[in-house]
Protein backbone atom coordinates (compact mmCIF):
# COMPACT_ATOMS: atom_id res chain seq x y z
CA MET A 1 -10.61 1.75 20.92
CA SER A 2 -8.20 4.34 20.83
CA SER A 3 -7.10 6.01 17.12
CA LYS A 4 -3.87 6.82 18.30
CA PRO A 5 -0.82 3.94 17.06
CA GLN A 6 0.84 1.83 19.52
CA THR A 7 3.57 3.34 21.73
CA ILE A 8 6.64 1.14 21.35
CA SER A 9 6.44 0.08 25.20
CA GLN A 10 3.24 -1.58 24.04
CA PHE A 11 4.61 -3.21 20.92
CA PHE A 12 7.40 -4.73 23.34
CA LYS A 13 4.80 -5.53 25.42
CA ARG A 14 2.21 -7.58 23.18
CA PHE A 15 5.00 -9.29 21.12
CA PRO A 16 7.75 -9.34 23.76
CA ASP A 17 9.57 -12.88 21.73
CA GLU A 18 9.69 -15.03 18.43
CA GLU A 19 7.03 -17.36 20.10
CA THR A 20 4.38 -15.12 20.69
CA CYS A 21 4.86 -13.86 16.97
CA LEU A 22 4.76 -17.06 15.38
CA ASN A 23 1.82 -17.95 17.85
CA HIS A 24 -0.02 -14.49 16.60
CA LEU A 25 0.61 -15.87 13.05
CA PHE A 26 -0.83 -19.10 13.71
CA ASP A 27 -3.98 -18.01 15.97
CA VAL A 28 -4.97 -14.97 12.87
CA ARG A 29 -4.17 -17.68 9.90
CA PHE A 30 -5.30 -21.11 10.82
CA GLY A 31 -6.09 -21.22 14.96
CA GLN A 32 -6.83 -24.60 16.75
CA GLY A 33 -9.72 -26.68 15.31
CA PHE A 34 -8.42 -25.56 12.14
CA GLU A 35 -9.39 -28.86 9.68
CA CYS A 36 -5.99 -30.65 8.62
CA PRO A 37 -5.23 -29.86 4.63
CA ARG A 38 -4.23 -33.43 4.58
CA CYS A 39 -6.54 -35.66 6.87
CA GLU A 40 -9.56 -33.28 6.85
CA ARG A 41 -10.51 -33.49 10.39
CA ALA A 42 -10.55 -30.65 12.89
CA SER A 43 -7.25 -30.82 14.63
CA LYS A 44 -5.49 -29.69 17.59
CA TRP A 45 -2.15 -28.44 16.53
CA PHE A 46 0.72 -28.81 18.44
CA ARG A 47 3.87 -26.68 18.36
CA ILE A 48 7.17 -27.89 16.64
CA LYS A 49 9.98 -26.34 18.15
CA ALA A 50 12.77 -27.16 15.73
CA GLU A 51 10.95 -25.30 13.17
CA ARG A 52 8.39 -22.60 12.56
CA ALA A 53 5.42 -24.86 12.21
CA TYR A 54 2.57 -26.94 14.14
CA SER A 55 1.89 -30.55 13.50
CA CYS A 56 -1.42 -32.08 13.44
CA GLN A 57 -2.57 -34.31 16.08
CA TRP A 58 -3.70 -36.97 13.34
CA CYS A 59 -1.60 -37.37 10.99
CA GLY A 60 1.22 -34.87 11.91
CA HIS A 61 0.64 -32.84 8.88
CA HIS A 62 2.51 -29.44 9.13
CA LEU A 63 1.34 -26.35 9.04
CA HIS A 64 3.72 -23.23 8.31
CA PRO A 65 2.63 -19.83 9.08
CA THR A 66 5.15 -17.61 7.65
CA VAL A 67 4.03 -19.38 4.36
CA GLY A 68 2.55 -17.11 1.93
CA THR A 69 3.48 -14.09 4.14
CA PRO A 70 6.39 -11.65 3.81
CA PHE A 71 8.17 -13.34 6.48
CA GLU A 72 8.18 -16.72 4.52
CA LYS A 73 11.76 -17.10 3.46
CA THR A 74 13.80 -15.26 5.72
CA ARG A 75 15.94 -16.08 9.04
CA THR A 76 15.35 -12.94 10.30
CA PRO A 77 13.30 -13.20 14.02
CA LEU A 78 9.79 -12.44 13.35
CA GLN A 79 10.23 -9.79 16.51
CA LEU A 80 12.19 -7.69 14.41
CA TRP A 81 9.47 -8.21 10.91
CA PHE A 82 6.80 -7.08 13.70
CA TYR A 83 8.74 -4.08 14.94
CA ALA A 84 9.68 -3.09 11.24
CA ILE A 85 5.63 -2.84 10.52
CA PHE A 86 5.00 -1.09 13.88
CA LEU A 87 7.75 1.56 12.65
CA PHE A 88 6.15 1.85 9.46
CA THR A 89 2.16 2.23 10.83
CA THR A 90 3.54 4.99 13.30
CA THR A 91 5.53 7.53 10.90
CA ARG A 92 3.56 9.57 8.50
CA ASN A 93 6.21 9.76 6.00
CA GLY A 94 7.73 6.08 5.59
CA VAL A 95 11.33 4.25 6.95
CA ALA A 96 14.51 4.57 5.09
CA ALA A 97 16.14 1.42 4.97
CA LYS A 98 19.22 3.00 6.57
CA GLU A 99 17.05 3.94 9.78
CA LEU A 100 15.65 -0.03 9.77
CA GLN A 101 19.38 -0.98 9.77
CA ARG A 102 20.18 1.16 12.52
CA GLN A 103 16.88 0.15 14.68
CA LEU A 104 16.85 -3.59 14.20
CA GLY A 105 20.89 -4.16 13.76
CA VAL A 106 20.86 -5.88 10.33
CA THR A 107 22.59 -5.50 7.48
CA TYR A 108 21.54 -2.93 4.87
CA LYS A 109 20.52 -5.37 2.22
CA THR A 110 18.47 -6.92 4.87
CA ALA A 111 16.70 -3.96 6.03
CA TRP A 112 16.28 -3.05 2.12
CA ARG A 113 14.85 -6.14 1.30
CA MET A 114 12.79 -5.93 4.71
CA ALA A 115 11.03 -2.46 3.82
CA ASP A 116 11.06 -3.41 0.18
CA LEU A 117 8.61 -6.51 1.01
CA ILE A 118 6.74 -4.55 4.10
CA ARG A 119 5.62 -1.60 0.79
CA LYS A 120 4.46 -4.44 -1.34
CA HIS A 121 2.40 -6.18 1.56
CA MET A 122 0.96 -2.87 2.09
CA GLY A 123 -0.41 -2.48 -1.43
CA ASP A 124 -1.24 -6.27 -1.79
CA VAL A 125 -3.39 -5.39 1.63
CA ASP A 126 -4.82 -1.83 0.46
CA GLY A 127 -6.04 -3.28 -2.85
CA ASP A 128 -7.53 -1.19 -5.76
CA ASN A 129 -11.30 -0.51 -4.98
CA LEU A 130 -13.53 0.65 -7.65
CA LEU A 131 -13.53 4.70 -6.44
CA GLY A 132 -16.58 6.99 -7.09
CA GLY A 133 -20.12 6.17 -8.51
CA ALA A 134 -23.31 8.14 -9.34
CA GLY A 135 -23.13 11.41 -7.33
CA GLU A 136 -19.15 10.97 -6.56
CA VAL A 137 -16.54 13.21 -7.59
CA VAL A 138 -13.38 11.43 -8.48
CA GLU A 139 -10.28 13.73 -8.56
CA ILE A 140 -7.79 12.39 -11.36
CA ASP A 141 -4.42 14.11 -11.78
CA GLU A 142 -0.87 13.24 -12.53
CA THR A 143 2.55 13.87 -11.30
CA LEU A 144 6.08 13.75 -12.10
CA ILE A 145 8.53 12.14 -9.73
CA GLY A 146 12.68 12.11 -10.15
CA GLY A 147 14.70 13.13 -12.51
CA SER A 148 15.29 16.67 -13.74
CA VAL A 149 13.48 19.48 -15.49
CA GLU A 150 15.19 21.40 -18.16
CA GLY A 151 15.15 25.30 -18.80
CA LYS A 152 11.99 26.91 -19.00
CA GLY A 153 9.61 26.20 -22.22
CA SER A 154 11.84 23.04 -23.19
CA GLY A 155 9.62 20.52 -21.59
CA TYR A 156 10.83 17.60 -19.13
CA LYS A 157 13.52 15.02 -19.64
CA GLY A 158 12.58 11.58 -20.09
CA ASN A 159 14.14 10.66 -17.02
CA LYS A 160 11.12 11.81 -14.50
CA THR A 161 8.61 9.05 -13.77
CA VAL A 162 4.66 9.83 -14.34
CA VAL A 163 1.89 8.94 -11.59
CA VAL A 164 -1.36 9.28 -11.82
CA GLY A 165 -3.50 9.57 -8.91
CA MET A 166 -7.10 8.87 -8.58
CA MET A 167 -8.82 10.55 -5.63
CA GLU A 168 -12.79 10.06 -4.12
CA ARG A 169 -13.47 13.52 -2.48
CA GLY A 170 -13.53 12.09 1.19
CA GLY A 171 -12.65 8.93 0.43
CA GLU A 172 -9.83 6.55 -1.13
CA VAL A 173 -7.22 7.44 -3.81
CA VAL A 174 -5.58 4.73 -6.08
CA THR A 175 -2.06 5.56 -7.48
CA LYS A 176 -0.45 4.02 -10.76
CA VAL A 177 3.05 4.73 -12.50
CA VAL A 178 2.17 5.03 -15.94
CA THR A 179 4.99 4.74 -19.10
CA SER A 180 2.77 6.85 -21.07
CA ARG A 181 -0.29 9.87 -21.27
CA HIS A 182 -1.24 9.36 -24.46
CA ARG A 183 -5.25 9.47 -24.64
CA GLU A 184 -5.88 5.89 -24.87
CA PRO A 185 -3.92 4.43 -22.22
CA MET A 186 -4.97 7.12 -19.71
CA GLU A 187 -8.88 6.98 -20.69
CA ARG A 188 -8.33 2.71 -20.39
CA LEU A 189 -6.73 3.72 -16.33
CA VAL A 190 -9.61 5.73 -16.06
CA LEU A 191 -12.50 3.36 -16.92
CA ASP A 192 -10.45 0.65 -14.89
CA ASN A 193 -10.99 2.03 -11.61
CA VAL A 194 -13.45 4.67 -11.66
CA HIS A 195 -17.61 3.71 -11.47
CA PRO A 196 -19.57 4.94 -14.78
CA GLY A 197 -21.82 7.52 -13.88
CA ALA A 198 -19.02 9.12 -11.39
CA THR A 199 -18.08 13.07 -11.68
CA VAL A 200 -14.52 13.07 -12.88
CA ALA A 201 -12.53 16.12 -12.45
CA THR A 202 -9.59 17.19 -13.75
CA ASP A 203 -7.28 19.93 -15.13
CA GLU A 204 -6.95 20.99 -18.70
CA PHE A 205 -4.42 18.04 -19.70
CA GLY A 206 -5.59 16.56 -23.55
CA SER A 207 -6.00 12.84 -23.07
CA TYR A 208 -8.61 13.70 -20.55
CA ARG A 209 -11.09 15.75 -23.26
CA ARG A 210 -13.16 12.32 -24.16
CA LEU A 211 -14.19 11.42 -20.65
CA ASP A 212 -17.70 12.50 -21.22
CA THR A 213 -18.01 9.91 -24.05
CA LEU A 214 -17.05 7.27 -21.79
CA GLY A 215 -20.27 7.49 -19.08
CA PHE A 216 -18.51 9.94 -17.25
CA ASP A 217 -19.77 13.44 -16.14
CA HIS A 218 -16.40 15.48 -17.07
CA VAL A 219 -15.52 18.74 -15.42
CA THR A 220 -12.50 20.70 -15.90
CA VAL A 221 -10.36 23.38 -14.33
CA GLN A 222 -7.99 25.79 -16.39
CA HIS A 223 -4.58 26.04 -14.14
CA LYS A 224 -3.03 28.10 -17.22
CA LYS A 225 -6.20 30.64 -16.35
CA GLY A 226 -5.05 30.76 -12.95
CA GLN A 227 -8.20 28.58 -12.54
CA TYR A 228 -8.42 26.13 -9.40
CA THR A 229 -11.88 25.80 -8.67
CA THR A 230 -15.36 25.76 -10.88
CA ASP A 231 -18.81 26.26 -9.76
CA ASN A 232 -19.87 23.12 -11.56
CA GLY A 233 -17.25 21.20 -8.60
CA GLY A 234 -13.99 21.15 -10.90
CA GLY A 235 -10.67 21.39 -9.15
CA VAL A 236 -8.09 18.74 -8.46
CA ASN A 237 -6.73 20.35 -4.73
CA SER A 238 -7.13 17.05 -3.04
CA ILE A 239 -5.13 14.77 -4.92
CA GLU A 240 -2.30 17.84 -5.39
CA GLY A 241 -2.64 17.77 -1.63
CA PHE A 242 -1.80 14.09 -1.74
CA TRP A 243 1.32 14.47 -4.17
CA ALA A 244 2.78 17.15 -1.26
CA GLN A 245 2.65 14.06 1.20
CA LEU A 246 4.29 11.82 -1.22
CA LYS A 247 6.93 14.10 -2.52
CA ARG A 248 7.48 14.81 1.28
CA SER A 249 7.98 11.47 1.98
CA ILE A 250 10.48 10.51 -1.27
CA ASN A 251 12.26 13.74 -0.95
CA GLY A 252 12.67 13.75 3.01
CA THR A 253 13.03 10.62 4.04
CA HIS A 254 14.19 8.71 0.75
CA ILE A 255 15.86 11.36 -1.03
CA HIS A 256 15.62 9.15 -4.18
CA VAL A 257 13.69 6.42 -5.62
CA SER A 258 14.38 4.97 -8.64
CA ARG A 259 11.74 4.35 -11.40
CA LYS A 260 11.22 0.78 -11.03
CA HIS A 261 10.57 0.55 -7.36
CA LEU A 262 8.91 4.14 -7.37
CA TRP A 263 5.41 2.22 -7.20
CA LYS A 264 5.39 0.37 -4.01
CA TYR A 265 6.66 3.72 -1.82
CA ALA A 266 3.44 5.09 -4.09
CA LYS A 267 1.14 2.31 -2.57
CA GLU A 268 2.71 2.38 0.83
CA ALA A 269 1.42 6.30 0.58
CA GLU A 270 -1.58 5.39 -0.45
CA TYR A 271 -2.14 2.60 1.69
CA ARG A 272 -1.34 5.23 5.27
CA PHE A 273 -3.45 7.92 3.30
CA ASN A 274 -6.38 5.75 3.29
CA ARG A 275 -6.78 5.11 6.43
CA ARG A 276 -5.65 8.48 7.63
CA HIS A 277 -8.80 8.32 9.77
CA VAL A 278 -7.84 4.97 11.43
CA PRO A 279 -4.21 4.85 12.01
CA SER A 280 -4.16 2.41 15.35
CA SER A 281 -5.95 -0.23 12.39
CA MET A 282 -3.07 -0.66 10.20
CA MET A 283 -0.51 -2.31 12.29
CA ASP A 284 -2.98 -5.21 13.24
CA GLU A 285 -4.54 -5.54 9.96
CA LEU A 286 -0.53 -5.48 8.16
CA LEU A 287 -0.09 -8.53 10.86
CA SER A 288 -3.57 -10.31 10.40
CA THR A 289 -3.86 -9.93 6.56
CA PHE A 290 -1.99 -12.51 4.08
CA GLY A 291 -3.24 -14.55 1.02
CA PRO A 292 -5.21 -17.56 0.65
CA LEU A 293 -4.27 -20.33 3.03
CA PRO A 294 -2.80 -23.11 1.66
CA GLU A 295 -5.14 -25.06 -0.48
CA ARG A 296 -6.40 -29.18 0.41
CA ARG A 297 -4.44 -31.59 -1.05
CA GLY A 298 -6.56 -33.46 -3.60
């Protein structure tokens, strides 16, 4: 299987029309022979042309493949949704709503909503796996996004947003937008996302100073002294590289992202980074991984 993302021509050959897209959702979520939630019999399912649904051969119960997906409450054609996901998975720095508006021929409001739901879906599919473990190194660092910085020595204004990143070297990254960098919430964040026994590498920020008492081997670098690596594995260069990618996306593609929505842009960058070795898998994963199937009726 090629590691390269699909081309536009390959995309439209695979999903040439609305019916193909709906059939894809039905196949990946249910498939012929799926047991009917109402009559509890393995069924052959028949397409209902008047709506995005399939009917049970035995009792006529309807299955709606778009329920529980980003496409559930929308009149926008599924092919446009699939193409929007194609664009998200074939770009390095994200897709602006204005670009979706231009390429899809929809209103800006519709394009913004589509992009917002796709980013949420990326975050849901990626999840937040625990990082590290015995023998592994997890780098932890924070960055400030948005707002402005006052003069030297005066610190940061309150309109910047803090994003904390935790990256297993050679592995995955997890991002969290936080409202406080005080010691207790930062320690809780590390405990919730990093396996005990891991080596945790940070800079000299004071909120990390007690991590070695919480079951972690803690190593630090002193940035203020011009130190960026240490002989015992200290350093946060990898997570700082991720911050550079995230900021390129925001500054170059979106220009400005509000504090309210920043977590979704961070999760989008996180999703893309965590699949950096298999970029061709992203579109299929996003078009095949959804929430739980509808529950059986009692």
